[in-house]
């Protein structure tokens, strides 16, 4: 809308069904969002109104809540779902703290989607070949792009912890500073938007797919989680002697209880499972461990004050509001029901069937469809609408024949 209209307080409304729009642009049947498809109000969060630093023409972006016209948050809004989970913690005198690790690839423009992505040509005139993991000079060829990324992050108030080259070809990772879950979800969303916009200015393509390249590690969005007493910085995962507490155990127990049911929320696309079916550092299990990257739930080495649980399942393609909401809701469910986790695993291990997770989008949606826990925590309307939208996406994928099928199967008798 115009700046004048925004500053005058004009209400922006949007059809309710847009919250269930699938990634191809279509919609599930209207029964999933109300047969009238009435309007929602988009109410800007006053703390999340930003001048866009990469735009020559003055423009601003406002992150909004999607609210029913009667005033309450829409149950179809993922930002609203996260706010509801945070409120449930607050009712118990607790405040969750999270941080996200965001991985992404920087590629040359890809005008033909039938061709693989390629790394860009750097200032040295060469393409990276994948030998630069954690190198201090690995992004020299992309320095103008990253310089503007840093400048835009500062302008948007996005504090960064560490930035590094990851294992993949032209793959990078940023760690955002820990804080309030809603703030971190907003920051993760803004960062992904910023990356793509700045990349276009530099004739690059940033890809946040979970697995854009074969034979290359995928991109994750690990979520680090701890809980403090509301109004204090005391981490309730550690006692006065620095030892793990019962709340810490119960939080892990809840994470384990919810991971299989919520896999479709953490891994929302067909491509998500390309990352998970190659499980090195992308574990598709609900095991937990102290500092073992093969476990879906990892307890990083840290001081007692920083004791936290890292959920390693979500990919870079996950909706940050929904992934954080699902992870925290599972942990709170464990606390409320005093669930005990399985024994921690260490070293190389076999994943028991009880802790394995769905390995395809179809299987994950079927598991979500049967989940009473998901409907209890997020509401039947949201879960059924989400499944309907994702089923449309899966059907669209299955309508196409892949190059692999033509290459390998066409010659079969």
Protein backbone atom coordinates (compact mmCIF):
# COMPACT_ATOMS: atom_id res chain seq x y z
CA UNK A 1 0.00 0.00 0.00
CA UNK A 2 1.08 3.61 -0.23
CA UNK A 3 3.02 5.15 2.64
CA UNK A 4 0.21 7.66 3.09
CA UNK A 5 -2.39 4.94 3.42
CA UNK A 6 -0.27 3.03 5.90
CA UNK A 7 0.43 6.10 8.05
CA UNK A 8 -3.25 7.02 8.05
CA UNK A 9 -3.97 3.64 9.62
CA UNK A 10 -5.96 2.25 6.70
CA UNK A 11 -6.79 -1.37 7.39
CA UNK A 12 -5.31 -3.89 4.97
CA UNK A 13 -7.50 -6.95 4.44
CA UNK A 14 -6.80 -10.21 2.68
CA UNK A 15 -8.84 -13.27 1.78
CA UNK A 16 -8.59 -15.95 4.47
CA UNK A 17 -7.71 -18.64 1.94
CA UNK A 18 -4.40 -16.96 1.06
CA UNK A 19 -2.92 -18.43 4.25
CA UNK A 20 -3.36 -21.89 2.70
CA UNK A 21 -2.12 -20.99 -0.79
CA UNK A 22 0.23 -23.72 -2.01
CA UNK A 23 3.63 -22.99 -3.53
CA UNK A 24 2.35 -23.38 -7.12
CA UNK A 25 -0.28 -20.72 -6.48
CA UNK A 26 -3.45 -22.81 -6.13
CA UNK A 27 -5.75 -23.35 -3.15
CA UNK A 28 -7.31 -26.37 -1.48
CA UNK A 29 -11.13 -26.59 -1.36
CA UNK A 30 -12.79 -23.65 0.40
CA UNK A 31 -14.06 -25.86 3.24
CA UNK A 32 -10.52 -25.75 4.69
CA UNK A 33 -10.58 -21.98 5.20
CA UNK A 34 -14.29 -21.20 5.46
CA UNK A 35 -16.68 -21.55 2.56
CA UNK A 36 -17.27 -17.79 2.40
CA UNK A 37 -13.50 -17.13 2.10
CA UNK A 38 -14.00 -13.98 4.11
CA UNK A 39 -11.35 -11.41 4.91
CA UNK A 40 -8.62 -11.28 7.52
CA UNK A 41 -7.04 -8.07 8.81
CA UNK A 42 -3.28 -7.70 8.42
CA UNK A 43 -2.10 -5.75 11.45
CA UNK A 44 1.50 -4.54 11.31
CA UNK A 45 3.76 -5.29 14.26
CA UNK A 46 5.10 -1.81 15.16
CA UNK A 47 8.47 -3.36 16.06
CA UNK A 48 8.81 -4.96 12.62
CA UNK A 49 8.45 -2.10 10.15
CA UNK A 50 11.62 -1.73 8.10
CA UNK A 51 12.91 0.56 5.40
CA UNK A 52 14.38 -1.76 2.76
CA UNK A 53 18.05 -0.80 2.40
CA UNK A 54 18.61 -2.59 -0.91
CA UNK A 55 15.87 -0.66 -2.73
CA UNK A 56 16.80 2.54 -4.59
CA UNK A 57 13.19 3.67 -4.53
CA UNK A 58 12.08 4.23 -0.91
CA UNK A 59 10.16 1.16 0.18
CA UNK A 60 9.27 -0.40 3.51
CA UNK A 61 8.24 -3.85 4.68
CA UNK A 62 5.93 -4.48 7.63
CA UNK A 63 5.59 -7.91 9.20
CA UNK A 64 1.92 -8.35 10.06
CA UNK A 65 -0.28 -10.55 12.20
CA UNK A 66 -3.20 -12.13 10.36
CA UNK A 67 -6.22 -11.54 12.59
CA UNK A 68 -9.88 -12.38 12.21
CA UNK A 69 -12.08 -9.32 11.78
CA UNK A 70 -13.48 -10.07 15.24
CA UNK A 71 -10.02 -9.38 16.67
CA UNK A 72 -8.55 -12.76 17.60
CA UNK A 73 -5.55 -14.25 15.82
CA UNK A 74 -6.36 -16.44 12.85
CA UNK A 75 -5.78 -20.12 13.57
CA UNK A 76 -4.37 -20.43 10.05
CA UNK A 77 -1.54 -17.96 10.78
CA UNK A 78 1.83 -19.56 11.51
CA UNK A 79 2.99 -16.36 13.29
CA UNK A 80 -0.18 -16.55 15.37
CA UNK A 81 0.52 -20.19 16.19
CA UNK A 82 3.99 -19.28 17.47
CA UNK A 83 2.59 -16.46 19.61
CA UNK A 84 0.08 -18.90 21.11
CA UNK A 85 2.86 -21.34 22.06
CA UNK A 86 4.88 -18.55 23.69
CA UNK A 87 1.77 -17.50 25.66
CA UNK A 88 1.39 -21.06 26.97
CA UNK A 89 4.95 -20.91 28.32
CA UNK A 90 4.25 -17.51 29.88
CA UNK A 91 1.21 -18.94 31.69
CA UNK A 92 3.65 -21.26 33.49
CA UNK A 93 6.07 -18.43 34.31
CA UNK A 94 8.51 -19.54 31.63
CA UNK A 95 10.03 -17.90 28.56
CA UNK A 96 11.62 -19.94 25.76
CA UNK A 97 14.83 -18.71 24.16
CA UNK A 98 15.86 -19.80 20.67
CA UNK A 99 18.51 -19.25 18.03
CA UNK A 100 18.50 -20.40 14.41
CA UNK A 101 21.35 -21.55 12.19
CA UNK A 102 20.53 -20.80 8.58
CA UNK A 103 22.33 -22.51 5.68
CA UNK A 104 21.97 -21.47 2.04
CA UNK A 105 23.64 -21.73 -1.37
CA UNK A 106 24.79 -18.89 -3.62
CA UNK A 107 24.56 -19.84 -7.29
CA UNK A 108 24.89 -18.30 -10.71
CA UNK A 109 21.55 -17.43 -12.36
CA UNK A 110 19.69 -20.57 -13.40
CA UNK A 111 17.37 -19.80 -16.30
CA UNK A 112 16.76 -23.44 -17.24
CA UNK A 113 15.38 -25.46 -14.31
CA UNK A 114 16.18 -28.71 -16.12
CA UNK A 115 19.89 -27.95 -15.64
CA UNK A 116 21.76 -28.26 -12.30
CA UNK A 117 22.68 -25.20 -10.31
CA UNK A 118 26.25 -23.93 -10.72
CA UNK A 119 28.39 -21.85 -8.38
CA UNK A 120 28.92 -18.28 -9.58
CA UNK A 121 32.02 -17.01 -11.32
CA UNK A 122 33.97 -15.12 -8.68
CA UNK A 123 36.12 -12.02 -8.99
CA UNK A 124 39.02 -14.33 -9.77
CA UNK A 125 37.16 -15.57 -12.89
CA UNK A 126 36.71 -19.11 -11.57
CA UNK A 127 33.89 -21.20 -10.15
CA UNK A 128 34.32 -22.78 -6.75
CA UNK A 129 34.81 -26.54 -6.84
CA UNK A 130 33.89 -27.40 -3.28
CA UNK A 131 37.19 -27.35 -1.40
CA UNK A 132 36.51 -24.24 0.66
CA UNK A 133 34.62 -25.49 3.73
CA UNK A 134 35.40 -23.22 6.70
CA UNK A 135 38.09 -21.41 4.70
CA UNK A 136 38.84 -17.82 5.73
CA UNK A 137 39.20 -16.85 2.07
CA UNK A 138 36.41 -18.91 0.56
CA UNK A 139 34.02 -16.03 -0.12
CA UNK A 140 36.57 -13.59 -1.59
CA UNK A 141 35.04 -13.98 -5.03
CA UNK A 142 31.65 -13.03 -3.55
CA UNK A 143 32.89 -10.24 -1.32
CA UNK A 144 30.78 -7.44 -2.90
CA UNK A 145 27.64 -9.53 -2.36
CA UNK A 146 28.46 -10.38 1.24
CA UNK A 147 29.49 -6.82 2.04
CA UNK A 148 26.02 -5.63 1.04
CA UNK A 149 24.41 -8.50 2.95
CA UNK A 150 26.22 -7.36 6.11
CA UNK A 151 25.27 -3.72 5.51
CA UNK A 152 21.61 -4.61 4.97
CA UNK A 153 21.54 -6.83 8.06
CA UNK A 154 22.83 -3.92 10.14
CA UNK A 155 20.24 -1.57 8.60
CA UNK A 156 17.42 -4.02 9.45
CA UNK A 157 18.72 -4.59 12.98
CA UNK A 158 19.64 -8.23 12.40
CA UNK A 159 22.54 -9.03 14.73
CA UNK A 160 24.68 -11.93 13.52
CA UNK A 161 26.82 -14.22 15.58
CA UNK A 162 28.99 -16.16 13.11
CA UNK A 163 29.08 -16.43 9.32
CA UNK A 164 31.00 -19.20 7.60
CA UNK A 165 31.44 -21.26 4.46
CA UNK A 166 29.73 -24.61 4.91
CA UNK A 167 30.49 -28.06 3.48
CA UNK A 168 28.70 -27.67 0.14
CA UNK A 169 29.85 -25.97 -3.04
CA UNK A 170 29.18 -22.24 -2.54
CA UNK A 171 27.20 -23.05 0.61
CA UNK A 172 27.21 -20.71 3.59
CA UNK A 173 25.78 -20.54 7.10
CA UNK A 174 24.82 -17.75 9.45
CA UNK A 175 24.07 -18.11 13.16
CA UNK A 176 21.60 -15.55 14.48
CA UNK A 177 21.93 -14.43 18.10
CA UNK A 178 19.62 -16.16 20.58
CA UNK A 179 16.56 -14.39 21.91
CA UNK A 180 12.77 -14.27 21.98
CA UNK A 181 11.30 -16.93 19.65
CA UNK A 182 8.98 -14.53 17.81
CA UNK A 183 11.83 -12.08 17.25
CA UNK A 184 14.08 -14.87 15.94
CA UNK A 185 11.38 -16.13 13.59
CA UNK A 186 10.92 -12.58 12.26
CA UNK A 187 14.68 -12.17 11.88
CA UNK A 188 15.04 -15.51 10.08
CA UNK A 189 12.25 -14.57 7.67
CA UNK A 190 13.79 -11.13 7.05
CA UNK A 191 17.24 -12.62 6.52
CA UNK A 192 16.00 -15.06 3.87
CA UNK A 193 14.14 -12.25 2.09
CA UNK A 194 17.20 -10.00 2.31
CA UNK A 195 19.49 -12.67 0.85
CA UNK A 196 17.36 -13.19 -2.23
CA UNK A 197 16.87 -9.46 -2.89
CA UNK A 198 20.55 -8.57 -2.51
CA UNK A 199 21.54 -11.56 -4.66
CA UNK A 200 19.40 -10.28 -7.52
CA UNK A 201 21.26 -6.95 -7.43
CA UNK A 202 24.55 -8.84 -7.82
CA UNK A 203 23.25 -11.14 -10.60
CA UNK A 204 23.29 -14.12 -8.27
CA UNK A 205 20.72 -16.63 -7.09
CA UNK A 206 20.36 -17.56 -3.42
CA UNK A 207 18.67 -20.93 -2.90
CA UNK A 208 17.18 -22.05 0.42
CA UNK A 209 16.07 -25.47 -0.80
CA UNK A 210 16.87 -28.28 1.57
CA UNK A 211 18.87 -30.17 -1.09
CA UNK A 212 19.62 -28.19 -4.28
CA UNK A 213 22.65 -30.26 -5.37
CA UNK A 214 23.12 -34.02 -5.61
CA UNK A 215 26.10 -35.59 -3.80
CA UNK A 216 26.41 -32.44 -1.67
CA UNK A 217 25.28 -31.74 1.90
CA UNK A 218 21.87 -30.10 2.18
CA UNK A 219 20.90 -26.91 3.97
CA UNK A 220 19.46 -26.97 7.47
CA UNK A 221 17.78 -24.55 9.82
CA UNK A 222 18.81 -25.95 13.18
CA UNK A 223 16.86 -24.56 16.14
CA UNK A 224 18.64 -24.09 19.49
CA UNK A 225 16.23 -23.99 22.43
CA UNK A 226 16.44 -23.22 26.13
CA UNK A 227 13.95 -21.96 28.72
CA UNK A 228 14.39 -19.27 31.36
CA UNK A 229 12.24 -18.12 34.24
CA UNK A 230 10.08 -15.26 33.00
CA UNK A 231 11.68 -11.95 33.88
CA UNK A 232 15.07 -13.49 34.68
CA UNK A 233 17.96 -15.07 32.82
CA UNK A 234 17.96 -18.27 34.92
CA UNK A 235 18.09 -21.26 32.61
CA UNK A 236 15.67 -23.83 34.04
CA UNK A 237 17.48 -26.63 32.19
CA UNK A 238 20.25 -26.41 34.87
CA UNK A 239 20.00 -26.49 38.68
CA UNK A 240 22.03 -24.47 41.16
CA UNK A 241 24.79 -27.08 41.01
CA UNK A 242 24.95 -26.86 37.23
CA UNK A 243 23.33 -30.26 36.68
CA UNK A 244 20.50 -31.06 34.25
CA UNK A 245 17.02 -30.64 35.74
CA UNK A 246 13.82 -32.65 35.42
CA UNK A 247 12.43 -29.91 33.15
CA UNK A 248 15.38 -30.48 30.82
CA UNK A 249 14.62 -34.21 30.63
CA UNK A 250 10.90 -33.62 30.14
CA UNK A 251 11.55 -31.09 27.37
CA UNK A 252 13.63 -33.68 25.50
CA UNK A 253 10.94 -36.30 26.14
CA UNK A 254 8.37 -33.99 24.56
CA UNK A 255 10.59 -33.32 21.57
CA UNK A 256 10.93 -37.05 21.02
CA UNK A 257 7.18 -37.57 21.38
CA UNK A 258 6.41 -34.95 18.73
CA UNK A 259 9.16 -35.26 16.11
CA UNK A 260 7.61 -37.99 13.97
CA UNK A 261 4.14 -36.42 14.11
CA UNK A 262 5.58 -33.00 13.24
CA UNK A 263 8.06 -34.07 10.55
CA UNK A 264 5.86 -32.54 7.82
CA UNK A 265 6.06 -29.20 9.67
CA UNK A 266 9.87 -29.34 9.89
CA UNK A 267 10.36 -30.81 6.39
CA UNK A 268 7.54 -29.29 4.34
CA UNK A 269 8.54 -30.06 0.74
CA UNK A 270 9.30 -33.05 -1.49
CA UNK A 271 12.91 -31.88 -1.70
CA UNK A 272 13.19 -31.80 2.11
CA UNK A 273 13.49 -35.58 2.14
CA UNK A 274 16.38 -35.57 -0.33
CA UNK A 275 18.33 -33.96 2.50
CA UNK A 276 17.05 -36.35 5.15
CA UNK A 277 17.64 -39.56 3.18
CA UNK A 278 21.40 -38.81 3.26
CA UNK A 279 21.63 -38.58 7.03
CA UNK A 280 25.22 -37.38 7.58
CA UNK A 281 24.73 -34.29 9.74
CA UNK A 282 21.06 -34.33 8.64
CA UNK A 283 19.63 -36.92 11.01
CA UNK A 284 16.08 -38.12 10.42
CA UNK A 285 15.68 -39.63 13.86
CA UNK A 286 14.37 -38.66 17.29
CA UNK A 287 17.41 -39.90 19.20
CA UNK A 288 19.16 -37.49 21.54
CA UNK A 289 22.81 -37.20 22.45
CA UNK A 290 25.44 -35.02 24.02
CA UNK A 291 27.33 -33.37 21.16
CA UNK A 292 26.66 -36.04 18.52
CA UNK A 293 25.65 -34.64 15.14
CA UNK A 294 24.10 -37.94 14.08
CA UNK A 295 21.28 -37.43 16.60
CA UNK A 296 18.16 -35.50 15.68
CA UNK A 297 18.30 -33.84 19.11
CA UNK A 298 21.79 -32.72 20.05
CA UNK A 299 22.90 -31.17 23.33
CA UNK A 300 25.83 -28.94 22.32
CA UNK A 301 28.86 -28.73 24.60
CA UNK A 302 28.29 -25.62 26.73
CA UNK A 303 28.30 -24.16 30.20
CA UNK A 304 25.39 -24.94 32.52
CA UNK A 305 24.00 -21.45 31.94
CA UNK A 306 23.86 -22.10 28.19
CA UNK A 307 22.46 -25.66 28.34
CA UNK A 308 20.14 -26.06 25.36
CA UNK A 309 18.55 -28.57 23.01
CA UNK A 310 19.33 -28.34 19.29
CA UNK A 311 16.63 -29.66 16.95
CA UNK A 312 18.55 -30.68 13.83
CA UNK A 313 15.58 -31.86 11.75
CA UNK A 314 14.31 -28.61 10.11
CA UNK A 315 15.72 -27.69 6.73
CA UNK A 316 16.39 -24.24 5.32
CA UNK A 317 13.08 -24.54 3.45
CA UNK A 318 11.03 -24.72 6.66
CA UNK A 319 8.71 -21.90 7.68
CA UNK A 320 10.60 -20.42 10.69
CA UNK A 321 7.42 -19.50 12.57
CA UNK A 322 5.93 -22.96 12.20
CA UNK A 323 9.15 -24.90 12.80
CA UNK A 324 9.93 -22.97 15.99
CA UNK A 325 6.31 -23.24 17.16
CA UNK A 326 6.25 -27.00 16.57
CA UNK A 327 9.55 -27.61 18.33
CA UNK A 328 8.67 -25.50 21.36
CA UNK A 329 5.14 -26.92 21.56
CA UNK A 330 6.53 -30.46 21.65
CA UNK A 331 8.95 -29.51 24.42
CA UNK A 332 6.19 -27.88 26.49
CA UNK A 333 4.00 -30.95 26.00
CA UNK A 334 6.81 -33.00 27.54
CA UNK A 335 7.11 -30.61 30.49
CA UNK A 336 3.35 -30.56 31.11
CA UNK A 337 3.12 -34.36 31.01
CA UNK A 338 6.50 -35.05 32.67
CA UNK A 339 7.64 -37.25 29.81
CA UNK A 340 10.95 -39.03 30.23
CA UNK A 341 13.31 -39.33 27.24
CA UNK A 342 14.97 -42.49 26.06
CA UNK A 343 18.58 -43.00 27.20
CA UNK A 344 21.07 -40.73 25.44
CA UNK A 345 23.07 -42.31 22.63
CA UNK A 346 26.76 -41.76 21.87
CA UNK A 347 29.12 -42.81 19.11
CA UNK A 348 27.84 -44.82 16.16
CA UNK A 349 24.37 -46.18 16.77
CA UNK A 350 21.45 -47.96 15.17
CA UNK A 351 18.21 -45.98 15.17
CA UNK A 352 15.43 -48.03 16.79
CA UNK A 353 12.15 -48.18 14.86
CA UNK A 354 10.41 -46.25 17.64
CA UNK A 355 12.70 -43.25 17.04
CA UNK A 356 12.80 -43.30 13.23
CA UNK A 357 10.97 -40.57 11.31
CA UNK A 358 8.97 -40.48 8.07
CA UNK A 359 11.31 -40.43 5.06
CA UNK A 360 8.97 -39.07 2.37
CA UNK A 361 6.52 -36.18 2.27
CA UNK A 362 3.68 -38.64 1.68
CA UNK A 363 4.58 -40.64 4.79
CA UNK A 364 5.03 -37.46 6.84
CA UNK A 365 1.61 -36.12 5.81
CA UNK A 366 -0.03 -39.46 6.61
CA UNK A 367 1.60 -39.40 10.06
CA UNK A 368 0.43 -35.80 10.60
CA UNK A 369 -3.08 -36.72 9.46
CA UNK A 370 -3.28 -39.41 12.17
CA UNK A 371 -1.77 -37.21 14.90
CA UNK A 372 -4.12 -36.29 17.71
CA UNK A 373 -1.20 -34.47 19.35
CA UNK A 374 -0.86 -32.11 16.38
CA UNK A 375 -4.58 -31.30 16.41
CA UNK A 376 -4.46 -30.77 20.17
CA UNK A 377 -1.52 -28.36 20.00
CA UNK A 378 -2.30 -26.49 16.76
CA UNK A 379 -6.02 -27.03 16.24
CA UNK A 380 -7.87 -29.22 13.78
CA UNK A 381 -8.49 -26.32 11.36
CA UNK A 382 -4.80 -25.52 10.95
CA UNK A 383 -3.59 -29.13 10.65
CA UNK A 384 -6.26 -30.16 8.16
CA UNK A 385 -5.72 -27.02 6.07
CA UNK A 386 -1.95 -27.52 6.09
CA UNK A 387 -2.29 -31.13 4.98
CA UNK A 388 -4.69 -30.14 2.20
CA UNK A 389 -2.28 -27.54 0.84
CA UNK A 390 0.76 -29.83 1.05
CA UNK A 391 -1.16 -32.70 -0.57
CA UNK A 392 -1.79 -30.43 -3.57
CA UNK A 393 1.94 -29.75 -3.80
CA UNK A 394 2.79 -33.44 -3.59
CA UNK A 395 0.23 -34.26 -6.30
CA UNK A 396 1.72 -31.58 -8.55
CA UNK A 397 5.18 -33.10 -8.10
CA UNK A 398 3.90 -36.58 -8.92
CA UNK A 399 2.29 -35.25 -12.11
CA UNK A 400 5.77 -34.75 -13.62
CA UNK A 401 8.19 -37.35 -14.98
CA UNK A 402 11.77 -36.69 -13.90
CA UNK A 403 14.93 -36.85 -16.04
CA UNK A 404 16.07 -39.83 -13.94
CA UNK A 405 12.99 -41.81 -14.96
CA UNK A 406 13.49 -41.04 -18.65
CA UNK A 407 17.22 -41.75 -18.47
CA UNK A 408 17.12 -44.99 -16.52
CA UNK A 409 13.72 -46.56 -17.04
CA UNK A 410 12.94 -45.86 -20.70
CA UNK A 411 15.26 -48.63 -21.92
CA UNK A 412 13.85 -51.24 -19.56
CA UNK A 413 12.00 -54.19 -21.14
